């Protein structure tokens, strides 16, 4: 029985800000566990890692697994993009007076 805890993938930079979110993506396949930790700046590297794992014949990680997890990463990214569009501060009355 092999547990793929060595598949833990953490492409996080050492200078990750304390307030920055860490995304966790996990896949359990029988006795194996694939856990991916990544921040928004390492999303592309995480997607590439999914492809490398899928192409490795020594792992039970398949292209289907990579496709499903990639879709979850992209969906999570879109949630943050839409949410952040509404985080902009509204102009105050004093701001509008400057342009009148």
PDB file of N, CA and C in Angstrom:
ATOM      1  N   UNK A   1       0.850  -1.172   0.000  1.00  0.00           N
ATOM      2  CA  UNK A   1       0.000   0.000   0.000  1.00  0.00           C
ATOM      3  C   UNK A   1       0.899   1.240   0.000  1.00  0.00           C
ATOM      4  N   UNK A   2       0.700   2.105  -0.972  1.00  0.00           N
ATOM      5  CA  UNK A   2       1.507   3.316  -1.095  1.00  0.00           C
ATOM      6  C   UNK A   2       0.607   4.520  -0.900  1.00  0.00           C
ATOM      7  N   UNK A   3       0.975   5.374  -0.005  1.00  0.00           N
ATOM      8  CA  UNK A   3       0.260   6.626   0.189  1.00  0.00           C
ATOM      9  C   UNK A   3       1.054   7.715  -0.497  1.00  0.00           C
ATOM     10  N   UNK A   4       0.424   8.438  -1.379  1.00  0.00           N
ATOM     11  CA  UNK A   4       1.115   9.454  -2.165  1.00  0.00           C
ATOM     12  C   UNK A   4       1.169  10.783  -1.430  1.00  0.00           C
ATOM     13  N   UNK A   5       1.625  10.751  -0.190  1.00  0.00           N
ATOM     14  CA  UNK A   5       1.803  12.008   0.517  1.00  0.00           C
ATOM     15  C   UNK A   5       2.975  12.789  -0.048  1.00  0.00           C
ATOM     16  N   UNK A   6       3.855  12.086  -0.793  1.00  0.00           N
ATOM     17  CA  UNK A   6       4.942  12.807  -1.439  1.00  0.00           C
ATOM     18  C   UNK A   6       4.421  13.651  -2.598  1.00  0.00           C
ATOM     19  N   UNK A   7       3.134  13.476  -2.926  1.00  0.00           N
ATOM     20  CA  UNK A   7       2.523  14.271  -3.985  1.00  0.00           C
ATOM     21  C   UNK A   7       2.080  15.640  -3.478  1.00  0.00           C
ATOM     22  N   UNK A   8       2.357  15.906  -2.205  1.00  0.00           N
ATOM     23  CA  UNK A   8       2.028  17.212  -1.659  1.00  0.00           C
ATOM     24  C   UNK A   8       2.755  18.274  -2.460  1.00  0.00           C
ATOM     25  N   UNK A   9       2.004  19.182  -3.028  1.00  0.00           N
ATOM     26  CA  UNK A   9       2.584  20.184  -3.914  1.00  0.00           C
ATOM     27  C   UNK A   9       2.388  21.555  -3.297  1.00  0.00           C
ATOM     28  N   UNK A  10       3.466  22.236  -2.984  1.00  0.00           N
ATOM     29  CA  UNK A  10       3.368  23.557  -2.373  1.00  0.00           C
ATOM     30  C   UNK A  10       4.260  24.542  -3.106  1.00  0.00           C
ATOM     31  N   UNK A  11       3.802  25.094  -4.222  1.00  0.00           N
ATOM     32  CA  UNK A  11       4.616  26.070  -4.942  1.00  0.00           C
ATOM     33  C   UNK A  11       4.499  27.472  -4.365  1.00  0.00           C
ATOM     34  N   UNK A  12       4.313  27.560  -3.050  1.00  0.00           N
ATOM     35  CA  UNK A  12       4.140  28.865  -2.428  1.00  0.00           C
ATOM     36  C   UNK A  12       5.485  29.547  -2.254  1.00  0.00           C
ATOM     37  N   UNK A  13       5.488  30.812  -2.486  1.00  0.00           N
ATOM     38  CA  UNK A  13       6.713  31.570  -2.309  1.00  0.00           C
ATOM     39  C   UNK A  13       6.938  31.798  -0.821  1.00  0.00           C
ATOM     40  N   UNK A  14       8.193  31.887  -0.431  1.00  0.00           N
ATOM     41  CA  UNK A  14       8.509  32.074   0.983  1.00  0.00           C
ATOM     42  C   UNK A  14       8.000  33.403   1.515  1.00  0.00           C
ATOM     43  N   UNK A  15       7.847  34.375   0.650  1.00  0.00           N
ATOM     44  CA  UNK A  15       7.414  35.697   1.101  1.00  0.00           C
ATOM     45  C   UNK A  15       5.907  35.884   0.969  1.00  0.00           C
ATOM     46  N   UNK A  16       5.138  34.807   1.051  1.00  0.00           N
ATOM     47  CA  UNK A  16       3.687  34.899   0.970  1.00  0.00           C
ATOM     48  C   UNK A  16       3.183  35.786   2.102  1.00  0.00           C
ATOM     49  N   UNK A  17       2.367  36.741   1.763  1.00  0.00           N
ATOM     50  CA  UNK A  17       1.834  37.663   2.756  1.00  0.00           C
ATOM     51  C   UNK A  17       0.931  36.919   3.727  1.00  0.00           C
ATOM     52  N   UNK A  18       0.914  37.373   4.975  1.00  0.00           N
ATOM     53  CA  UNK A  18       0.132  36.717   6.002  1.00  0.00           C
ATOM     54  C   UNK A  18      -1.348  36.722   5.635  1.00  0.00           C
ATOM     55  N   UNK A  19      -1.846  37.790   5.066  1.00  0.00           N
ATOM     56  CA  UNK A  19      -3.252  37.901   4.742  1.00  0.00           C
ATOM     57  C   UNK A  19      -3.654  37.227   3.445  1.00  0.00           C
ATOM     58  N   UNK A  20      -2.701  36.674   2.713  1.00  0.00           N
ATOM     59  CA  UNK A  20      -3.003  36.073   1.421  1.00  0.00           C
ATOM     60  C   UNK A  20      -3.621  34.692   1.612  1.00  0.00           C
ATOM     61  N   UNK A  21      -4.657  34.392   0.829  1.00  0.00           N
ATOM     62  CA  UNK A  21      -5.347  33.117   0.939  1.00  0.00           C
ATOM     63  C   UNK A  21      -4.523  31.990   0.356  1.00  0.00           C
ATOM     64  N   UNK A  22      -4.600  30.836   0.993  1.00  0.00           N
ATOM     65  CA  UNK A  22      -3.984  29.614   0.502  1.00  0.00           C
ATOM     66  C   UNK A  22      -5.131  28.704   0.074  1.00  0.00           C
ATOM     67  N   UNK A  23      -5.085  28.268  -1.167  1.00  0.00           N
ATOM     68  CA  UNK A  23      -6.105  27.367  -1.692  1.00  0.00           C
ATOM     69  C   UNK A  23      -5.660  25.933  -1.448  1.00  0.00           C
ATOM     70  N   UNK A  24      -6.606  25.073  -1.085  1.00  0.00           N
ATOM     71  CA  UNK A  24      -6.333  23.669  -0.844  1.00  0.00           C
ATOM     72  C   UNK A  24      -7.191  22.852  -1.784  1.00  0.00           C
ATOM     73  N   UNK A  25      -6.545  21.956  -2.511  1.00  0.00           N
ATOM     74  CA  UNK A  25      -7.233  21.079  -3.450  1.00  0.00           C
ATOM     75  C   UNK A  25      -6.767  19.666  -3.135  1.00  0.00           C
ATOM     76  N   UNK A  26      -7.697  18.751  -2.895  1.00  0.00           N
ATOM     77  CA  UNK A  26      -7.310  17.392  -2.506  1.00  0.00           C
ATOM     78  C   UNK A  26      -8.077  16.363  -3.324  1.00  0.00           C
ATOM     79  N   UNK A  27      -7.408  15.252  -3.575  1.00  0.00           N
ATOM     80  CA  UNK A  27      -8.008  14.124  -4.274  1.00  0.00           C
ATOM     81  C   UNK A  27      -7.609  12.863  -3.524  1.00  0.00           C
ATOM     82  N   UNK A  28      -8.602  12.046  -3.166  1.00  0.00           N
ATOM     83  CA  UNK A  28      -8.350  10.776  -2.508  1.00  0.00           C
ATOM     84  C   UNK A  28      -8.709   9.674  -3.482  1.00  0.00           C
ATOM     85  N   UNK A  29      -7.734   8.830  -3.771  1.00  0.00           N
ATOM     86  CA  UNK A  29      -7.935   7.692  -4.675  1.00  0.00           C
ATOM     87  C   UNK A  29      -7.528   6.435  -3.921  1.00  0.00           C
ATOM     88  N   UNK A  30      -8.509   5.757  -3.365  1.00  0.00           N
ATOM     89  CA  UNK A  30      -8.201   4.579  -2.562  1.00  0.00           C
ATOM     90  C   UNK A  30      -7.361   4.974  -1.373  1.00  0.00           C
ATOM     91  N   UNK A  31      -6.172   4.407  -1.274  1.00  0.00           N
ATOM     92  CA  UNK A  31      -5.291   4.717  -0.152  1.00  0.00           C
ATOM     93  C   UNK A  31      -4.348   5.884  -0.455  1.00  0.00           C
ATOM     94  N   UNK A  32      -4.421   6.430  -1.652  1.00  0.00           N
ATOM     95  CA  UNK A  32      -3.555   7.539  -2.034  1.00  0.00           C
ATOM     96  C   UNK A  32      -4.258   8.873  -1.837  1.00  0.00           C
ATOM     97  N   UNK A  33      -3.478   9.858  -1.473  1.00  0.00           N
ATOM     98  CA  UNK A  33      -3.998  11.208  -1.281  1.00  0.00           C
ATOM     99  C   UNK A  33      -3.100  12.188  -2.026  1.00  0.00           C
ATOM    100  N   UNK A  34      -3.726  13.005  -2.845  1.00  0.00           N
ATOM    101  CA  UNK A  34      -3.021  14.059  -3.565  1.00  0.00           C
ATOM    102  C   UNK A  34      -3.531  15.376  -2.998  1.00  0.00           C
ATOM    103  N   UNK A  35      -2.637  16.160  -2.436  1.00  0.00           N
ATOM    104  CA  UNK A  35      -3.015  17.424  -1.817  1.00  0.00           C
ATOM    105  C   UNK A  35      -2.193  18.532  -2.460  1.00  0.00           C
ATOM    106  N   UNK A  36      -2.879  19.554  -2.946  1.00  0.00           N
ATOM    107  CA  UNK A  36      -2.224  20.678  -3.604  1.00  0.00           C
ATOM    108  C   UNK A  36      -2.540  21.940  -2.810  1.00  0.00           C
ATOM    109  N   UNK A  37      -1.516  22.651  -2.398  1.00  0.00           N
ATOM    110  CA  UNK A  37      -1.658  23.936  -1.721  1.00  0.00           C
ATOM    111  C   UNK A  37      -1.065  24.988  -2.639  1.00  0.00           C
ATOM    112  N   UNK A  38      -1.820  26.030  -2.895  1.00  0.00           N
ATOM    113  CA  UNK A  38      -1.317  27.059  -3.804  1.00  0.00           C
ATOM    114  C   UNK A  38      -1.977  28.389  -3.497  1.00  0.00           C
ATOM    115  N   UNK A  39      -1.281  29.459  -3.820  1.00  0.00           N
ATOM    116  CA  UNK A  39      -1.872  30.783  -3.718  1.00  0.00           C
ATOM    117  C   UNK A  39      -2.224  31.249  -5.131  1.00  0.00           C
ATOM    118  N   UNK A  40      -2.851  32.386  -5.229  1.00  0.00           N
ATOM    119  CA  UNK A  40      -3.304  32.861  -6.540  1.00  0.00           C
ATOM    120  C   UNK A  40      -2.156  33.078  -7.514  1.00  0.00           C
ATOM    121  N   UNK A  41      -1.000  33.467  -7.009  1.00  0.00           N
ATOM    122  CA  UNK A  41       0.119  33.724  -7.906  1.00  0.00           C
ATOM    123  C   UNK A  41       0.763  32.441  -8.432  1.00  0.00           C
ATOM    124  N   UNK A  42       0.468  31.306  -7.820  1.00  0.00           N
ATOM    125  CA  UNK A  42       1.052  30.039  -8.280  1.00  0.00           C
ATOM    126  C   UNK A  42       0.018  29.123  -8.932  1.00  0.00           C
ATOM    127  N   UNK A  43      -1.112  29.683  -9.335  1.00  0.00           N
ATOM    128  CA  UNK A  43      -2.184  28.894  -9.963  1.00  0.00           C
ATOM    129  C   UNK A  43      -1.707  28.218 -11.247  1.00  0.00           C
ATOM    130  N   UNK A  44      -1.001  28.939 -12.095  1.00  0.00           N
ATOM    131  CA  UNK A  44      -0.534  28.370 -13.366  1.00  0.00           C
ATOM    132  C   UNK A  44       0.446  27.223 -13.127  1.00  0.00           C
ATOM    133  N   UNK A  45       1.336  27.381 -12.169  1.00  0.00           N
ATOM    134  CA  UNK A  45       2.279  26.306 -11.842  1.00  0.00           C
ATOM    135  C   UNK A  45       1.544  25.073 -11.320  1.00  0.00           C
ATOM    136  N   UNK A  46       0.501  25.276 -10.554  1.00  0.00           N
ATOM    137  CA  UNK A  46      -0.289  24.150 -10.045  1.00  0.00           C
ATOM    138  C   UNK A  46      -0.972  23.421 -11.189  1.00  0.00           C
ATOM    139  N   UNK A  47      -1.501  24.153 -12.153  1.00  0.00           N
ATOM    140  CA  UNK A  47      -2.124  23.521 -13.325  1.00  0.00           C
ATOM    141  C   UNK A  47      -1.099  22.699 -14.108  1.00  0.00           C
ATOM    142  N   UNK A  48       0.110  23.224 -14.254  1.00  0.00           N
ATOM    143  CA  UNK A  48       1.167  22.465 -14.939  1.00  0.00           C
ATOM    144  C   UNK A  48       1.520  21.199 -14.167  1.00  0.00           C
ATOM    145  N   UNK A  49       1.527  21.298 -12.851  1.00  0.00           N
ATOM    146  CA  UNK A  49       1.843  20.136 -12.018  1.00  0.00           C
ATOM    147  C   UNK A  49       0.795  19.045 -12.183  1.00  0.00           C
ATOM    148  N   UNK A  50      -0.456  19.427 -12.310  1.00  0.00           N
ATOM    149  CA  UNK A  50      -1.507  18.432 -12.551  1.00  0.00           C
ATOM    150  C   UNK A  50      -1.210  17.648 -13.824  1.00  0.00           C
ATOM    151  N   UNK A  51      -0.770  18.332 -14.859  1.00  0.00           N
ATOM    152  CA  UNK A  51      -0.415  17.683 -16.113  1.00  0.00           C
ATOM    153  C   UNK A  51       0.782  16.757 -15.963  1.00  0.00           C
ATOM    154  N   UNK A  52       1.781  17.199 -15.197  1.00  0.00           N
ATOM    155  CA  UNK A  52       2.958  16.346 -14.976  1.00  0.00           C
ATOM    156  C   UNK A  52       2.577  15.086 -14.216  1.00  0.00           C
ATOM    157  N   UNK A  53       1.711  15.231 -13.223  1.00  0.00           N
ATOM    158  CA  UNK A  53       1.273  14.058 -12.461  1.00  0.00           C
ATOM    159  C   UNK A  53       0.486  13.104 -13.354  1.00  0.00           C
ATOM    160  N   UNK A  54      -0.379  13.650 -14.205  1.00  0.00           N
ATOM    161  CA  UNK A  54      -1.193  12.809 -15.082  1.00  0.00           C
ATOM    162  C   UNK A  54      -0.321  12.050 -16.083  1.00  0.00           C
ATOM    163  N   UNK A  55       0.782  12.636 -16.498  1.00  0.00           N
ATOM    164  CA  UNK A  55       1.643  11.980 -17.480  1.00  0.00           C
ATOM    165  C   UNK A  55       2.646  11.015 -16.849  1.00  0.00           C
ATOM    166  N   UNK A  56       2.665  10.942 -15.535  1.00  0.00           N
ATOM    167  CA  UNK A  56       3.590  10.056 -14.830  1.00  0.00           C
ATOM    168  C   UNK A  56       2.946   8.674 -14.676  1.00  0.00           C
ATOM    169  N   UNK A  57       3.454   7.651 -15.364  1.00  0.00           N
ATOM    170  CA  UNK A  57       2.842   6.322 -15.301  1.00  0.00           C
ATOM    171  C   UNK A  57       2.996   5.643 -13.941  1.00  0.00           C
ATOM    172  N   UNK A  58       3.866   6.152 -13.078  1.00  0.00           N
ATOM    173  CA  UNK A  58       4.047   5.572 -11.749  1.00  0.00           C
ATOM    174  C   UNK A  58       2.970   6.014 -10.766  1.00  0.00           C
ATOM    175  N   UNK A  59       2.184   7.009 -11.143  1.00  0.00           N
ATOM    176  CA  UNK A  59       1.122   7.518 -10.277  1.00  0.00           C
ATOM    177  C   UNK A  59      -0.233   7.021 -10.768  1.00  0.00           C
ATOM    178  N   UNK A  60      -1.168   6.909  -9.852  1.00  0.00           N
ATOM    179  CA  UNK A  60      -2.529   6.547 -10.246  1.00  0.00           C
ATOM    180  C   UNK A  60      -3.312   7.771 -10.716  1.00  0.00           C
ATOM    181  N   UNK A  61      -2.697   8.927 -10.655  1.00  0.00           N
ATOM    182  CA  UNK A  61      -3.306  10.196 -11.054  1.00  0.00           C
ATOM    183  C   UNK A  61      -3.485  10.200 -12.576  1.00  0.00           C
ATOM    184  N   UNK A  62      -4.736  10.354 -13.040  1.00  0.00           N
ATOM    185  CA  UNK A  62      -5.042  10.240 -14.469  1.00  0.00           C
ATOM    186  C   UNK A  62      -5.297  11.614 -15.089  1.00  0.00           C
ATOM    187  N   UNK A  63      -5.404  11.605 -16.417  1.00  0.00           N
ATOM    188  CA  UNK A  63      -5.753  12.843 -17.121  1.00  0.00           C
ATOM    189  C   UNK A  63      -7.155  13.302 -16.745  1.00  0.00           C
ATOM    190  N   UNK A  64      -8.038  12.368 -16.458  1.00  0.00           N
ATOM    191  CA  UNK A  64      -9.381  12.739 -16.000  1.00  0.00           C
ATOM    192  C   UNK A  64      -9.280  13.475 -14.659  1.00  0.00           C
ATOM    193  N   UNK A  65      -8.470  12.954 -13.743  1.00  0.00           N
ATOM    194  CA  UNK A  65      -8.264  13.620 -12.451  1.00  0.00           C
ATOM    195  C   UNK A  65      -7.731  15.038 -12.674  1.00  0.00           C
ATOM    196  N   UNK A  66      -6.758  15.163 -13.567  1.00  0.00           N
ATOM    197  CA  UNK A  66      -6.174  16.478 -13.861  1.00  0.00           C
ATOM    198  C   UNK A  66      -7.224  17.430 -14.422  1.00  0.00           C
ATOM    199  N   UNK A  67      -8.084  16.921 -15.304  1.00  0.00           N
ATOM    200  CA  UNK A  67      -9.120  17.768 -15.911  1.00  0.00           C
ATOM    201  C   UNK A  67     -10.119  18.241 -14.863  1.00  0.00           C
ATOM    202  N   UNK A  68     -10.543  17.343 -13.993  1.00  0.00           N
ATOM    203  CA  UNK A  68     -11.521  17.707 -12.956  1.00  0.00           C
ATOM    204  C   UNK A  68     -10.925  18.728 -11.992  1.00  0.00           C
ATOM    205  N   UNK A  69      -9.695  18.482 -11.541  1.00  0.00           N
ATOM    206  CA  UNK A  69      -9.072  19.411 -10.600  1.00  0.00           C
ATOM    207  C   UNK A  69      -8.746  20.752 -11.262  1.00  0.00           C
ATOM    208  N   UNK A  70      -8.363  20.722 -12.530  1.00  0.00           N
ATOM    209  CA  UNK A  70      -8.115  21.974 -13.264  1.00  0.00           C
ATOM    210  C   UNK A  70      -9.376  22.815 -13.341  1.00  0.00           C
ATOM    211  N   UNK A  71     -10.489  22.151 -13.593  1.00  0.00           N
ATOM    212  CA  UNK A  71     -11.765  22.867 -13.666  1.00  0.00           C
ATOM    213  C   UNK A  71     -12.095  23.500 -12.315  1.00  0.00           C
ATOM    214  N   UNK A  72     -11.830  22.791 -11.225  1.00  0.00           N
ATOM    215  CA  UNK A  72     -12.093  23.346  -9.895  1.00  0.00           C
ATOM    216  C   UNK A  72     -11.208  24.564  -9.623  1.00  0.00           C
ATOM    217  N   UNK A  73      -9.947  24.494 -10.044  1.00  0.00           N
ATOM    218  CA  UNK A  73      -9.041  25.632  -9.864  1.00  0.00           C
ATOM    219  C   UNK A  73      -9.558  26.835 -10.638  1.00  0.00           C
ATOM    220  N   UNK A  74      -9.975  26.622 -11.867  1.00  0.00           N
ATOM    221  CA  UNK A  74     -10.476  27.735 -12.689  1.00  0.00           C
ATOM    222  C   UNK A  74     -11.787  28.302 -12.148  1.00  0.00           C
ATOM    223  N   UNK A  75     -12.668  27.438 -11.664  1.00  0.00           N
ATOM    224  CA  UNK A  75     -13.931  27.916 -11.090  1.00  0.00           C
ATOM    225  C   UNK A  75     -13.671  28.750  -9.843  1.00  0.00           C
ATOM    226  N   UNK A  76     -12.756  28.308  -9.013  1.00  0.00           N
ATOM    227  CA  UNK A  76     -12.419  29.064  -7.804  1.00  0.00           C
ATOM    228  C   UNK A  76     -11.808  30.413  -8.170  1.00  0.00           C
ATOM    229  N   UNK A  77     -10.992  30.431  -9.196  1.00  0.00           N
ATOM    230  CA  UNK A  77     -10.384  31.668  -9.661  1.00  0.00           C
ATOM    231  C   UNK A  77     -11.446  32.655 -10.136  1.00  0.00           C
ATOM    232  N   UNK A  78     -12.434  32.161 -10.857  1.00  0.00           N
ATOM    233  CA  UNK A  78     -13.504  33.029 -11.363  1.00  0.00           C
ATOM    234  C   UNK A  78     -14.340  33.599 -10.222  1.00  0.00           C
ATOM    235  N   UNK A  79     -14.553  32.833  -9.163  1.00  0.00           N
ATOM    236  CA  UNK A  79     -15.297  33.335  -8.004  1.00  0.00           C
ATOM    237  C   UNK A  79     -14.596  34.542  -7.409  1.00  0.00           C
ATOM    238  N   UNK A  80     -13.271  34.449  -7.281  1.00  0.00           N
ATOM    239  CA  UNK A  80     -12.502  35.543  -6.698  1.00  0.00           C
ATOM    240  C   UNK A  80     -12.489  36.759  -7.617  1.00  0.00           C
ATOM    241  N   UNK A  81     -12.445  36.544  -8.916  1.00  0.00           N
ATOM    242  CA  UNK A  81     -12.435  37.645  -9.869  1.00  0.00           C
ATOM    243  C   UNK A  81     -13.741  38.420  -9.803  1.00  0.00           C
ATOM    244  N   UNK A  82     -14.865  37.703  -9.791  1.00  0.00           N
ATOM    245  CA  UNK A  82     -16.169  38.355  -9.723  1.00  0.00           C
ATOM    246  C   UNK A  82     -16.339  39.068  -8.396  1.00  0.00           C
ATOM    247  N   UNK A  83     -15.932  38.428  -7.295  1.00  0.00           N
ATOM    248  CA  UNK A  83     -16.071  39.050  -5.981  1.00  0.00           C
ATOM    249  C   UNK A  83     -15.219  40.301  -5.867  1.00  0.00           C
ATOM    250  N   UNK A  84     -14.002  40.279  -6.403  1.00  0.00           N
ATOM    251  CA  UNK A  84     -13.124  41.429  -6.258  1.00  0.00           C
ATOM    252  C   UNK A  84     -13.589  42.626  -7.086  1.00  0.00           C
ATOM    253  N   UNK A  85     -14.376  42.397  -8.123  1.00  0.00           N
ATOM    254  CA  UNK A  85     -14.885  43.516  -8.916  1.00  0.00           C
ATOM    255  C   UNK A  85     -15.787  44.407  -8.091  1.00  0.00           C
ATOM    256  N   UNK A  86     -16.417  43.858  -7.051  1.00  0.00           N
ATOM    257  CA  UNK A  86     -17.347  44.622  -6.250  1.00  0.00           C
ATOM    258  C   UNK A  86     -16.717  45.135  -4.962  1.00  0.00           C
ATOM    259  N   UNK A  87     -15.437  44.943  -4.791  1.00  0.00           N
ATOM    260  CA  UNK A  87     -14.745  45.418  -3.606  1.00  0.00           C
ATOM    261  C   UNK A  87     -14.222  46.841  -3.762  1.00  0.00           C
ATOM    262  N   UNK A  88     -14.399  47.434  -4.930  1.00  0.00           N
ATOM    263  CA  UNK A  88     -13.913  48.787  -5.151  1.00  0.00           C
ATOM    264  C   UNK A  88     -14.708  49.770  -4.301  1.00  0.00           C
ATOM    265  N   UNK A  89     -14.041  50.743  -3.737  1.00  0.00           N
ATOM    266  CA  UNK A  89     -14.760  51.716  -2.912  1.00  0.00           C
ATOM    267  C   UNK A  89     -15.652  52.606  -3.779  1.00  0.00           C
ATOM    268  N   UNK A  90     -16.769  52.948  -3.228  1.00  0.00           N
ATOM    269  CA  UNK A  90     -17.686  53.853  -3.920  1.00  0.00           C
ATOM    270  C   UNK A  90     -17.149  55.272  -3.782  1.00  0.00           C
ATOM    271  N   UNK A  91     -17.313  56.082  -4.810  1.00  0.00           N
ATOM    272  CA  UNK A  91     -16.843  57.469  -4.690  1.00  0.00           C
ATOM    273  C   UNK A  91     -17.635  58.203  -3.612  1.00  0.00           C
ATOM    274  N   UNK A  92     -16.934  58.958  -2.813  1.00  0.00           N
ATOM    275  CA  UNK A  92     -17.619  59.738  -1.779  1.00  0.00           C
ATOM    276  C   UNK A  92     -18.079  61.058  -2.382  1.00  0.00           C
ATOM    277  N   UNK A  93     -18.897  61.765  -1.642  1.00  0.00           N
ATOM    278  CA  UNK A  93     -19.384  63.044  -2.161  1.00  0.00           C
ATOM    279  C   UNK A  93     -18.238  64.024  -2.370  1.00  0.00           C
ATOM    280  N   UNK A  94     -17.218  63.956  -1.518  1.00  0.00           N
ATOM    281  CA  UNK A  94     -16.092  64.873  -1.661  1.00  0.00           C
ATOM    282  C   UNK A  94     -15.304  64.565  -2.940  1.00  0.00           C
ATOM    283  N   UNK A  95     -15.284  63.289  -3.364  1.00  0.00           N
ATOM    284  CA  UNK A  95     -14.596  62.933  -4.604  1.00  0.00           C
ATOM    285  C   UNK A  95     -15.311  63.511  -5.808  1.00  0.00           C
ATOM    286  N   UNK A  96     -16.634  63.499  -5.796  1.00  0.00           N
ATOM    287  CA  UNK A  96     -17.385  64.010  -6.940  1.00  0.00           C
ATOM    288  C   UNK A  96     -17.310  65.523  -7.028  1.00  0.00           C
ATOM    289  N   UNK A  97     -17.121  66.197  -5.904  1.00  0.00           N
ATOM    290  CA  UNK A  97     -17.026  67.648  -5.915  1.00  0.00           C
ATOM    291  C   UNK A  97     -15.781  68.136  -6.658  1.00  0.00           C
ATOM    292  N   UNK A  98     -14.738  67.327  -6.663  1.00  0.00           N
ATOM    293  CA  UNK A  98     -13.508  67.721  -7.326  1.00  0.00           C
ATOM    294  C   UNK A  98     -13.696  67.843  -8.829  1.00  0.00           C
ATOM    295  N   UNK A  99     -14.619  67.086  -9.406  1.00  0.00           N
ATOM    296  CA  UNK A  99     -14.792  67.053 -10.841  1.00  0.00           C
ATOM    297  C   UNK A  99     -15.888  68.001 -11.330  1.00  0.00           C
ATOM    298  N   UNK A 100     -16.589  68.631 -10.424  1.00  0.00           N
ATOM    299  CA  UNK A 100     -17.684  69.523 -10.830  1.00  0.00           C
ATOM    300  C   UNK A 100     -17.236  70.924 -11.033  1.00  0.00           C
TER     301      UNK A 100
END
